Amino acid sequence: MSSIEFNSPSYYERAQEEKQQQTIMLLGGLSAALAVIAGVWLAMRTRRPPTRIQRAEATLANAAARAEQAARTVRKQGPSVVERGASRVEQAARTVRKQGPSFVERSGAQVEQWGRSLRKNGPGVLVNGASRVEQAARTVRKQAPGMVAQSATRAEQAARTVRKQGPAKLRAGYQQTEQAWNRTRDFGTEVGTQAGQLIDTSRKASETVVGTAQSFTEKLRSRFKS
């Protein structure tokens, strides 16, 4: 591009137009951003929590939906459930109608038999039980004091024996233990002495054998030399 084009008035006009367009676009973007921020701020300011009426309406709507669902479930499954329950009741009633009289008759006969046994054997069983209890009480009344006195006498005699003979037996046991310890010590000393004597005897015998062997060796050596 030549210097004539830079100095021409059309070039400056185009540059100014481009700057104006850039400025307009920048201002438009800023305006849009400010508008968005203002809208968000206004929405946040105008937003309010639900009132009591709105909460009540929401609760009522939820309850109505649950009730409708429960009614639908009953409408679909209710007849079959009622039919099964009625069938079970009918079967139970039929069983009672068929087996009830015989069961009641057997139960009544068994109760009557128990009553007859109680009427016949009850007094005797009661008398026998009372007699056994009375006999046991009489035995305890007669023998218990003697048994207690006898046990106390034995305990007293045992305590007296321990008090009189305990120290002597303890002293005798101590003396026997001491005598056994002395005997063991004397026996150990005697064994040690005998072992020492045996060692001395063995050493002397060894010395004698060695001396005899040396003298015999010297005699042989002198004989060979001569």
Protein backbone atom coordinates (compact mmCIF):
# COMPACT_ATOMS: atom_id res chain seq x y z
CA MET A 1 0.00 0.00 0.00
CA SER A 2 1.43 3.38 -1.03
CA SER A 3 1.67 6.61 0.96
CA ILE A 4 -1.04 8.14 -1.20
CA GLU A 5 -3.58 5.62 0.09
CA PHE A 6 -2.65 6.38 3.76
CA ASN A 7 -3.06 10.11 3.17
CA SER A 8 -6.35 9.79 1.31
CA PRO A 9 -9.53 11.00 3.10
CA SER A 10 -11.39 7.74 2.37
CA TYR A 11 -8.91 5.75 4.49
CA TYR A 12 -9.45 7.92 7.56
CA GLU A 13 -13.20 7.74 7.13
CA ARG A 14 -13.14 3.95 6.98
CA ALA A 15 -10.93 3.80 10.09
CA GLN A 16 -13.27 6.10 12.00
CA GLU A 17 -16.28 4.04 10.91
CA GLU A 18 -14.60 0.83 12.10
CA LYS A 19 -13.78 2.42 15.47
CA GLN A 20 -17.36 3.63 15.81
CA GLN A 21 -18.68 0.15 14.96
CA GLN A 22 -16.36 -1.46 17.53
CA THR A 23 -17.44 1.08 20.14
CA ILE A 24 -21.11 0.46 19.34
CA MET A 25 -20.63 -3.33 19.58
CA LEU A 26 -18.79 -2.99 22.91
CA LEU A 27 -21.50 -0.74 24.31
CA GLY A 28 -24.18 -3.15 23.06
CA GLY A 29 -22.46 -6.10 24.77
CA LEU A 30 -22.14 -4.16 28.01
CA SER A 31 -25.80 -3.15 27.80
CA ALA A 32 -26.87 -6.77 27.26
CA ALA A 33 -24.73 -7.95 30.19
CA LEU A 34 -26.15 -5.24 32.44
CA ALA A 35 -29.67 -6.16 31.34
CA VAL A 36 -29.08 -9.84 32.20
CA ILE A 37 -27.61 -8.94 35.59
CA ALA A 38 -30.51 -6.59 36.31
CA GLY A 39 -33.02 -9.29 35.32
CA VAL A 40 -31.41 -11.87 37.58
CA TRP A 41 -31.29 -9.39 40.45
CA LEU A 42 -34.95 -8.46 39.98
CA ALA A 43 -35.93 -12.14 39.80
CA MET A 44 -34.08 -12.85 43.03
CA ARG A 45 -35.67 -9.84 44.70
CA THR A 46 -39.18 -10.72 43.58
CA ARG A 47 -38.86 -14.42 44.49
CA ARG A 48 -40.68 -15.20 47.73
CA PRO A 49 -41.14 -18.40 49.78
CA PRO A 50 -44.47 -20.21 49.41
CA THR A 51 -47.22 -19.01 51.69
CA ARG A 52 -49.19 -21.16 54.12
CA ILE A 53 -52.02 -21.51 51.65
CA GLN A 54 -49.66 -22.76 48.98
CA ARG A 55 -48.08 -25.26 51.37
CA ALA A 56 -51.53 -26.46 52.46
CA GLU A 57 -52.59 -26.83 48.83
CA ALA A 58 -49.45 -28.89 48.08
CA THR A 59 -50.03 -31.11 51.13
CA LEU A 60 -53.67 -31.61 50.18
CA ALA A 61 -52.69 -32.50 46.62
CA ASN A 62 -50.15 -35.10 47.87
CA ALA A 63 -52.68 -36.60 50.29
CA ALA A 64 -55.31 -36.77 47.56
CA ALA A 65 -52.84 -38.50 45.22
CA ARG A 66 -51.96 -41.07 47.90
CA ALA A 67 -55.63 -41.67 48.72
CA GLU A 68 -56.40 -42.12 45.03
CA GLN A 69 -53.57 -44.64 44.71
CA ALA A 70 -54.75 -46.55 47.80
CA ALA A 71 -58.34 -46.60 46.49
CA ARG A 72 -57.10 -47.90 43.15
CA THR A 73 -55.14 -50.66 44.92
CA VAL A 74 -58.19 -51.63 47.00
CA ARG A 75 -60.39 -51.60 43.89
CA LYS A 76 -58.01 -53.93 42.10
CA GLN A 77 -56.92 -56.28 44.93
CA GLY A 78 -59.78 -55.93 47.45
CA PRO A 79 -62.27 -58.43 46.00
CA SER A 80 -59.71 -61.23 45.79
CA VAL A 81 -58.52 -60.59 49.37
CA VAL A 82 -62.11 -60.56 50.67
CA GLU A 83 -62.89 -63.71 48.73
CA ARG A 84 -59.86 -65.54 50.16
CA GLY A 85 -60.74 -64.40 53.71
CA ALA A 86 -64.34 -65.54 53.30
CA SER A 87 -63.17 -68.91 51.97
CA ARG A 88 -60.91 -69.42 54.99
CA VAL A 89 -63.72 -68.46 57.40
CA GLU A 90 -66.10 -70.81 55.61
CA GLN A 91 -63.58 -73.66 55.78
CA ALA A 92 -62.95 -73.05 59.50
CA ALA A 93 -66.71 -72.98 60.18
CA ARG A 94 -67.17 -76.23 58.26
CA THR A 95 -64.36 -77.86 60.27
CA VAL A 96 -65.90 -76.70 63.55
CA ARG A 97 -69.33 -77.90 62.45
CA LYS A 98 -67.99 -81.35 61.58
CA GLN A 99 -65.39 -81.94 64.32
CA GLY A 100 -66.66 -79.66 67.10
CA PRO A 101 -69.27 -81.95 68.71
CA SER A 102 -66.93 -84.96 68.90
CA PHE A 103 -64.12 -82.82 70.31
CA VAL A 104 -66.43 -81.31 72.92
CA GLU A 105 -67.73 -84.77 73.78
CA ARG A 106 -64.20 -86.16 74.21
CA SER A 107 -63.15 -83.17 76.29
CA GLY A 108 -66.24 -83.49 78.48
CA ALA A 109 -65.63 -87.21 78.96
CA GLN A 110 -62.01 -86.58 79.91
CA VAL A 111 -63.00 -83.84 82.35
CA GLU A 112 -65.65 -86.12 83.81
CA GLN A 113 -63.06 -88.90 84.21
CA TRP A 114 -60.67 -86.52 85.96
CA GLY A 115 -63.47 -85.39 88.26
CA ARG A 116 -64.40 -88.99 89.08
CA SER A 117 -60.74 -89.86 89.82
CA LEU A 118 -60.41 -86.78 92.00
CA ARG A 119 -63.64 -87.61 93.81
CA LYS A 120 -62.51 -91.17 94.47
CA ASN A 121 -58.76 -90.78 95.06
CA GLY A 122 -58.51 -87.17 96.20
CA PRO A 123 -59.22 -87.65 99.92
CA GLY A 124 -56.83 -90.59 100.18
CA VAL A 125 -54.05 -88.74 98.37
CA LEU A 126 -54.59 -85.70 100.57
CA VAL A 127 -54.56 -87.80 103.76
CA ASN A 128 -51.42 -89.67 102.69
CA GLY A 129 -49.63 -86.43 101.82
CA ALA A 130 -50.60 -84.84 105.12
CA SER A 131 -49.45 -87.96 107.00
CA ARG A 132 -46.06 -87.93 105.26
CA VAL A 133 -45.57 -84.24 105.99
CA GLU A 134 -46.56 -84.77 109.62
CA GLN A 135 -44.18 -87.73 109.97
CA ALA A 136 -41.30 -85.77 108.44
CA ALA A 137 -41.99 -82.84 110.78
CA ARG A 138 -42.12 -85.19 113.79
CA THR A 139 -38.81 -86.79 112.76
CA VAL A 140 -37.15 -83.40 112.42
CA ARG A 141 -38.59 -82.28 115.75
CA LYS A 142 -37.28 -85.37 117.53
CA GLN A 143 -33.93 -85.98 115.82
CA ALA A 144 -32.81 -82.51 114.80
CA PRO A 145 -31.69 -81.28 118.27
CA GLY A 146 -29.72 -84.50 118.86
CA MET A 147 -28.08 -84.28 115.43
CA VAL A 148 -27.17 -80.64 115.98
CA ALA A 149 -25.80 -81.38 119.46
CA GLN A 150 -23.83 -84.38 118.14
CA SER A 151 -22.32 -82.31 115.32
CA ALA A 152 -21.42 -79.54 117.76
CA THR A 153 -19.83 -82.10 120.12
CA ARG A 154 -17.72 -83.55 117.30
CA ALA A 155 -16.59 -80.12 116.23
CA GLU A 156 -15.70 -79.25 119.83
CA GLN A 157 -13.72 -82.48 120.28
CA ALA A 158 -11.85 -81.90 117.03
CA ALA A 159 -10.97 -78.35 118.08
CA ARG A 160 -9.81 -79.57 121.52
CA THR A 161 -7.65 -82.28 119.92
CA VAL A 162 -6.04 -79.78 117.57
CA ARG A 163 -5.45 -77.36 120.45
CA LYS A 164 -3.82 -80.02 122.63
CA GLN A 165 -1.95 -82.21 120.15
CA GLY A 166 -1.33 -79.77 117.33
CA PRO A 167 1.85 -78.08 118.64
CA ALA A 168 3.42 -81.41 119.65
CA LYS A 169 2.71 -83.00 116.26
CA LEU A 170 3.99 -79.92 114.51
CA ARG A 171 7.17 -79.99 116.60
CA ALA A 172 7.60 -83.73 115.97
CA GLY A 173 7.17 -83.22 112.24
CA TYR A 174 9.73 -80.43 112.28
CA GLN A 175 12.19 -82.62 114.21
CA GLN A 176 11.67 -85.52 111.80
CA THR A 177 12.27 -83.21 108.88
CA GLU A 178 15.42 -81.86 110.49
CA GLN A 179 16.68 -85.40 111.21
CA ALA A 180 16.03 -86.44 107.63
CA TRP A 181 17.90 -83.37 106.41
CA ASN A 182 20.85 -84.16 108.72
CA ARG A 183 20.91 -87.77 107.53
CA THR A 184 20.90 -86.66 103.93
CA ARG A 185 23.73 -84.23 104.60
CA ASP A 186 25.80 -86.87 106.46
CA PHE A 187 25.22 -89.36 103.67
CA GLY A 188 26.35 -86.83 101.10
CA THR A 189 29.45 -86.04 103.14
CA GLU A 190 30.26 -89.74 103.49
CA VAL A 191 29.80 -90.33 99.78
CA GLY A 192 32.09 -87.37 99.03
CA THR A 193 34.75 -88.70 101.42
CA GLN A 194 34.63 -92.18 99.89
CA ALA A 195 34.85 -90.70 96.42
CA GLY A 196 37.91 -88.67 97.47
CA GLN A 197 39.54 -91.76 98.93
CA LEU A 198 38.82 -93.70 95.77
CA ILE A 199 40.36 -90.92 93.69
CA ASP A 200 43.48 -90.90 95.90
CA THR A 201 43.78 -94.68 95.65
CA SER A 202 43.44 -94.54 91.88
CA ARG A 203 46.06 -91.80 91.66
CA LYS A 204 48.48 -93.76 93.83
CA ALA A 205 47.92 -96.91 91.78
CA SER A 206 48.53 -94.95 88.60
CA GLU A 207 51.73 -93.49 90.02
CA THR A 208 52.90 -96.98 91.06
CA VAL A 209 52.17 -98.39 87.63
CA VAL A 210 53.96 -95.50 85.94
CA GLY A 211 56.98 -95.85 88.25
CA THR A 212 57.17 -99.61 87.65
CA ALA A 213 56.94 -99.10 83.90
CA GLN A 214 59.70 -96.47 83.99
CA SER A 215 62.02 -98.69 86.08
CA PHE A 216 61.38 -101.63 83.77
CA THR A 217 62.11 -99.46 80.76
CA GLU A 218 65.36 -98.21 82.29
CA LYS A 219 66.44 -101.77 83.09
CA LEU A 220 65.80 -102.87 79.53
CA ARG A 221 67.65 -99.86 78.18
CA SER A 222 70.70 -100.51 80.41
CA ARG A 223 70.70 -104.17 79.46
CA PHE A 224 70.63 -103.40 75.76
CA LYS A 225 73.46 -100.90 76.18
CA SER A 226 75.65 -103.41 77.99
